[in-house]
Amino acid sequence: MPQEQSQIRERQKTDMREPRRYKVLIHNDDFTTMDFVVKVLREVFYLSDENAQALMLQVHHSGKAVVGIYTYDIAVSKAQKATNMARENGFPLRLTVEPEDN
């Protein structure tokens, strides 16, 4: 008579949490044109023309604004891409990345 084999698997408890999210902020300056800021918001952050215009005006009036909230790698990548685009066009546009408040 064949002997039955049983396999016992131990379950390990894994702590599954959402990854921390980061805000990408765009800062106002006196040299970067409004049209260029709108272009960056459309091409890098994929905002609609209407949303890009509204956010550009918010930055212009308040000094800075949150462009989007992403995981760390994506936030840094988008901020770097926008910064490189600005430097290639001779603008000092500044974007920063900071942790989202929980």
N, C-alpha and C. Protein backbone atom coordinates (compact mmCIF):
# COMPACT_ATOMS: atom_id res chain seq x y z
N MET A 1 0.83 -1.17 0.00
CA MET A 1 0.00 0.00 0.00
C MET A 1 0.89 1.25 0.00
N PRO A 2 0.69 2.14 -1.01
CA PRO A 2 1.55 3.32 -1.07
C PRO A 2 1.26 4.27 0.10
N GLN A 3 2.34 4.84 0.55
CA GLN A 3 2.20 5.75 1.68
C GLN A 3 1.95 7.17 1.15
N GLU A 4 1.01 7.86 1.74
CA GLU A 4 0.69 9.21 1.31
C GLU A 4 1.71 10.18 1.87
N GLN A 5 2.11 11.07 0.99
CA GLN A 5 3.04 12.11 1.44
C GLN A 5 2.26 13.41 1.57
N SER A 6 2.53 14.08 2.62
CA SER A 6 1.87 15.38 2.77
C SER A 6 2.93 16.45 2.83
N GLN A 7 2.63 17.52 2.20
CA GLN A 7 3.55 18.64 2.21
C GLN A 7 2.92 19.74 3.04
N ILE A 8 3.68 20.21 3.96
CA ILE A 8 3.21 21.29 4.81
C ILE A 8 3.97 22.54 4.42
N ARG A 9 3.24 23.53 4.12
CA ARG A 9 3.85 24.82 3.79
C ARG A 9 3.62 25.77 4.95
N GLU A 10 4.67 26.40 5.34
CA GLU A 10 4.52 27.39 6.38
C GLU A 10 4.21 28.72 5.72
N ARG A 11 3.30 29.40 6.29
CA ARG A 11 2.97 30.72 5.78
C ARG A 11 3.79 31.76 6.52
N GLN A 12 4.34 32.61 5.74
CA GLN A 12 5.09 33.70 6.33
C GLN A 12 4.28 34.97 6.15
N LYS A 13 4.19 35.69 7.22
CA LYS A 13 3.44 36.94 7.17
C LYS A 13 4.34 38.01 6.54
N THR A 14 3.86 38.61 5.49
CA THR A 14 4.62 39.67 4.85
C THR A 14 3.88 40.98 5.07
N ASP A 15 4.65 41.98 5.31
CA ASP A 15 4.07 43.29 5.56
C ASP A 15 3.97 44.02 4.22
N MET A 16 2.78 44.06 3.68
CA MET A 16 2.56 44.68 2.38
C MET A 16 1.95 46.06 2.59
N ARG A 17 2.74 47.07 2.27
CA ARG A 17 2.25 48.44 2.38
C ARG A 17 2.42 49.13 1.04
N GLU A 18 1.59 50.11 0.84
CA GLU A 18 1.74 50.94 -0.35
C GLU A 18 3.08 51.65 -0.27
N PRO A 19 3.78 51.79 -1.38
CA PRO A 19 5.03 52.55 -1.33
C PRO A 19 4.76 54.02 -1.01
N ARG A 20 5.72 54.63 -0.37
CA ARG A 20 5.58 56.04 -0.03
C ARG A 20 5.48 56.85 -1.32
N ARG A 21 4.71 57.91 -1.29
CA ARG A 21 4.52 58.73 -2.48
C ARG A 21 5.19 60.08 -2.28
N TYR A 22 5.56 60.67 -3.41
CA TYR A 22 6.32 61.92 -3.38
C TYR A 22 5.67 62.96 -4.29
N LYS A 23 5.71 64.22 -3.83
CA LYS A 23 5.15 65.33 -4.59
C LYS A 23 6.24 65.94 -5.46
N VAL A 24 5.88 66.27 -6.67
CA VAL A 24 6.77 67.04 -7.54
C VAL A 24 6.24 68.46 -7.53
N LEU A 25 7.09 69.39 -7.09
CA LEU A 25 6.70 70.80 -7.03
C LEU A 25 7.44 71.59 -8.09
N ILE A 26 6.74 72.52 -8.69
CA ILE A 26 7.35 73.42 -9.66
C ILE A 26 7.39 74.81 -9.03
N HIS A 27 8.51 75.50 -9.18
CA HIS A 27 8.71 76.79 -8.53
C HIS A 27 8.72 77.92 -9.56
N ASN A 28 8.21 79.05 -9.15
CA ASN A 28 8.16 80.23 -10.01
C ASN A 28 9.54 80.89 -10.07
N ASP A 29 9.86 81.45 -11.22
CA ASP A 29 11.05 82.29 -11.35
C ASP A 29 10.72 83.42 -12.32
N ASP A 30 11.60 84.39 -12.39
CA ASP A 30 11.33 85.57 -13.22
C ASP A 30 11.83 85.43 -14.66
N PHE A 31 12.40 84.28 -15.01
CA PHE A 31 13.03 84.15 -16.33
C PHE A 31 12.36 83.13 -17.24
N THR A 32 11.83 82.06 -16.67
CA THR A 32 11.19 81.02 -17.49
C THR A 32 9.85 81.55 -18.00
N THR A 33 9.64 81.45 -19.31
CA THR A 33 8.40 81.98 -19.89
C THR A 33 7.20 81.11 -19.50
N MET A 34 6.06 81.74 -19.47
CA MET A 34 4.83 81.03 -19.14
C MET A 34 4.53 79.95 -20.19
N ASP A 35 4.81 80.26 -21.45
CA ASP A 35 4.57 79.29 -22.51
C ASP A 35 5.45 78.06 -22.34
N PHE A 36 6.69 78.27 -21.91
CA PHE A 36 7.58 77.12 -21.71
C PHE A 36 7.11 76.26 -20.54
N VAL A 37 6.64 76.89 -19.48
CA VAL A 37 6.13 76.13 -18.33
C VAL A 37 4.95 75.28 -18.76
N VAL A 38 4.05 75.84 -19.55
CA VAL A 38 2.90 75.09 -20.06
C VAL A 38 3.39 73.92 -20.92
N LYS A 39 4.39 74.15 -21.75
CA LYS A 39 4.94 73.09 -22.59
C LYS A 39 5.49 71.95 -21.74
N VAL A 40 6.22 72.27 -20.68
CA VAL A 40 6.77 71.24 -19.78
C VAL A 40 5.63 70.46 -19.12
N LEU A 41 4.64 71.17 -18.64
CA LEU A 41 3.52 70.51 -17.96
C LEU A 41 2.77 69.58 -18.90
N ARG A 42 2.68 69.94 -20.16
CA ARG A 42 1.98 69.09 -21.13
C ARG A 42 2.84 67.90 -21.55
N GLU A 43 4.13 68.14 -21.84
CA GLU A 43 4.98 67.09 -22.41
C GLU A 43 5.56 66.13 -21.36
N VAL A 44 5.85 66.62 -20.18
CA VAL A 44 6.46 65.76 -19.17
C VAL A 44 5.41 65.18 -18.22
N PHE A 45 4.44 66.00 -17.84
CA PHE A 45 3.46 65.55 -16.86
C PHE A 45 2.11 65.20 -17.48
N TYR A 46 1.99 65.32 -18.79
CA TYR A 46 0.82 64.92 -19.56
C TYR A 46 -0.47 65.59 -19.08
N LEU A 47 -0.38 66.87 -18.72
CA LEU A 47 -1.57 67.63 -18.37
C LEU A 47 -2.25 68.13 -19.64
N SER A 48 -3.55 68.29 -19.57
CA SER A 48 -4.27 68.88 -20.71
C SER A 48 -3.85 70.34 -20.82
N ASP A 49 -4.11 70.94 -21.96
CA ASP A 49 -3.75 72.34 -22.16
C ASP A 49 -4.43 73.23 -21.11
N GLU A 50 -5.68 72.95 -20.85
CA GLU A 50 -6.44 73.73 -19.88
C GLU A 50 -5.86 73.59 -18.47
N ASN A 51 -5.55 72.37 -18.05
CA ASN A 51 -4.98 72.15 -16.72
C ASN A 51 -3.57 72.72 -16.61
N ALA A 52 -2.81 72.62 -17.68
CA ALA A 52 -1.45 73.17 -17.68
C ALA A 52 -1.48 74.69 -17.54
N GLN A 53 -2.41 75.35 -18.24
CA GLN A 53 -2.55 76.80 -18.13
C GLN A 53 -2.93 77.20 -16.70
N ALA A 54 -3.89 76.48 -16.12
CA ALA A 54 -4.35 76.80 -14.77
C ALA A 54 -3.23 76.60 -13.74
N LEU A 55 -2.47 75.51 -13.87
CA LEU A 55 -1.37 75.25 -12.94
C LEU A 55 -0.26 76.27 -13.10
N MET A 56 0.04 76.65 -14.33
CA MET A 56 1.06 77.67 -14.58
C MET A 56 0.69 78.98 -13.90
N LEU A 57 -0.59 79.37 -13.98
CA LEU A 57 -1.04 80.60 -13.32
C LEU A 57 -0.99 80.47 -11.80
N GLN A 58 -1.29 79.29 -11.29
CA GLN A 58 -1.20 79.07 -9.85
C GLN A 58 0.25 79.23 -9.38
N VAL A 59 1.19 78.67 -10.13
CA VAL A 59 2.61 78.81 -9.80
C VAL A 59 3.02 80.27 -9.87
N HIS A 60 2.56 80.96 -10.89
CA HIS A 60 2.91 82.36 -11.09
C HIS A 60 2.44 83.23 -9.91
N HIS A 61 1.25 82.94 -9.39
CA HIS A 61 0.69 83.76 -8.33
C HIS A 61 1.12 83.34 -6.92
N SER A 62 1.32 82.04 -6.70
CA SER A 62 1.63 81.59 -5.35
C SER A 62 3.10 81.21 -5.13
N GLY A 63 3.89 81.17 -6.20
CA GLY A 63 5.31 80.87 -6.05
C GLY A 63 5.68 79.42 -6.30
N LYS A 64 4.78 78.50 -6.02
CA LYS A 64 5.03 77.08 -6.30
C LYS A 64 3.71 76.33 -6.27
N ALA A 65 3.73 75.13 -6.86
CA ALA A 65 2.52 74.30 -6.88
C ALA A 65 2.92 72.85 -7.07
N VAL A 66 2.07 71.96 -6.61
CA VAL A 66 2.29 70.53 -6.80
C VAL A 66 1.84 70.17 -8.21
N VAL A 67 2.76 69.57 -8.96
CA VAL A 67 2.46 69.16 -10.32
C VAL A 67 1.82 67.78 -10.33
N GLY A 68 2.29 66.91 -9.45
CA GLY A 68 1.76 65.56 -9.38
C GLY A 68 2.34 64.81 -8.20
N ILE A 69 1.75 63.66 -7.89
CA ILE A 69 2.21 62.82 -6.79
C ILE A 69 2.45 61.43 -7.36
N TYR A 70 3.68 60.93 -7.13
CA TYR A 70 4.13 59.69 -7.75
C TYR A 70 4.95 58.87 -6.76
N THR A 71 5.31 57.66 -7.17
CA THR A 71 6.31 56.91 -6.41
C THR A 71 7.64 57.63 -6.58
N TYR A 72 8.59 57.32 -5.71
CA TYR A 72 9.86 58.05 -5.70
C TYR A 72 10.56 58.06 -7.05
N ASP A 73 10.73 56.90 -7.65
CA ASP A 73 11.47 56.81 -8.91
C ASP A 73 10.82 57.63 -10.02
N ILE A 74 9.52 57.56 -10.12
CA ILE A 74 8.82 58.31 -11.16
C ILE A 74 8.90 59.81 -10.89
N ALA A 75 8.74 60.20 -9.62
CA ALA A 75 8.81 61.63 -9.26
C ALA A 75 10.18 62.20 -9.62
N VAL A 76 11.23 61.51 -9.26
CA VAL A 76 12.59 61.98 -9.55
C VAL A 76 12.83 62.02 -11.05
N SER A 77 12.37 61.00 -11.74
CA SER A 77 12.56 60.93 -13.19
C SER A 77 11.86 62.08 -13.90
N LYS A 78 10.62 62.36 -13.53
CA LYS A 78 9.88 63.46 -14.17
C LYS A 78 10.50 64.82 -13.84
N ALA A 79 10.92 65.01 -12.59
CA ALA A 79 11.55 66.28 -12.21
C ALA A 79 12.85 66.47 -12.98
N GLN A 80 13.63 65.41 -13.12
CA GLN A 80 14.90 65.50 -13.85
C GLN A 80 14.67 65.76 -15.34
N LYS A 81 13.68 65.09 -15.91
CA LYS A 81 13.37 65.29 -17.33
C LYS A 81 12.95 66.73 -17.59
N ALA A 82 12.11 67.29 -16.72
CA ALA A 82 11.66 68.68 -16.89
C ALA A 82 12.83 69.65 -16.70
N THR A 83 13.69 69.38 -15.72
CA THR A 83 14.85 70.24 -15.48
C THR A 83 15.80 70.21 -16.67
N ASN A 84 16.05 69.03 -17.21
CA ASN A 84 16.92 68.92 -18.39
C ASN A 84 16.33 69.66 -19.58
N MET A 85 15.04 69.55 -19.76
CA MET A 85 14.35 70.24 -20.85
C MET A 85 14.52 71.75 -20.70
N ALA A 86 14.39 72.24 -19.47
CA ALA A 86 14.54 73.67 -19.21
C ALA A 86 15.97 74.13 -19.49
N ARG A 87 16.96 73.37 -19.03
CA ARG A 87 18.36 73.75 -19.24
C ARG A 87 18.71 73.77 -20.73
N GLU A 88 18.19 72.81 -21.47
CA GLU A 88 18.45 72.76 -22.92
C GLU A 88 17.89 73.99 -23.62
N ASN A 89 16.86 74.59 -23.04
CA ASN A 89 16.23 75.77 -23.62
C ASN A 89 16.67 77.07 -22.94
N GLY A 90 17.65 76.97 -22.04
CA GLY A 90 18.21 78.15 -21.39
C GLY A 90 17.38 78.76 -20.28
N PHE A 91 16.53 77.95 -19.64
CA PHE A 91 15.69 78.45 -18.55
C PHE A 91 16.13 77.86 -17.21
N PRO A 92 16.01 78.64 -16.13
CA PRO A 92 16.38 78.15 -14.79
C PRO A 92 15.23 77.50 -14.01
N LEU A 93 14.26 76.97 -14.71
CA LEU A 93 13.09 76.37 -14.06
C LEU A 93 13.54 75.36 -13.01
N ARG A 94 12.91 75.42 -11.84
CA ARG A 94 13.29 74.54 -10.74
C ARG A 94 12.12 73.67 -10.33
N LEU A 95 12.37 72.37 -10.23
CA LEU A 95 11.40 71.43 -9.72
C LEU A 95 12.02 70.68 -8.57
N THR A 96 11.23 70.41 -7.54
CA THR A 96 11.73 69.68 -6.38
C THR A 96 10.82 68.50 -6.11
N VAL A 97 11.36 67.52 -5.37
CA VAL A 97 10.61 66.33 -4.99
C VAL A 97 10.65 66.25 -3.47
N GLU A 98 9.48 66.06 -2.86
CA GLU A 98 9.44 65.90 -1.41
C GLU A 98 8.36 64.90 -1.04
N PRO A 99 8.53 64.25 0.11
CA PRO A 99 7.54 63.23 0.52
C PRO A 99 6.15 63.83 0.70
N GLU A 100 5.17 63.03 0.34
CA GLU A 100 3.78 63.44 0.52
C GLU A 100 3.45 63.37 2.00
N ASP A 101 2.70 64.31 2.51
CA ASP A 101 2.26 64.27 3.90
C ASP A 101 1.22 63.18 4.06
N ASN A 102 1.36 62.41 5.10
CA ASN A 102 0.40 61.31 5.31
C ASN A 102 -0.75 61.73 6.14
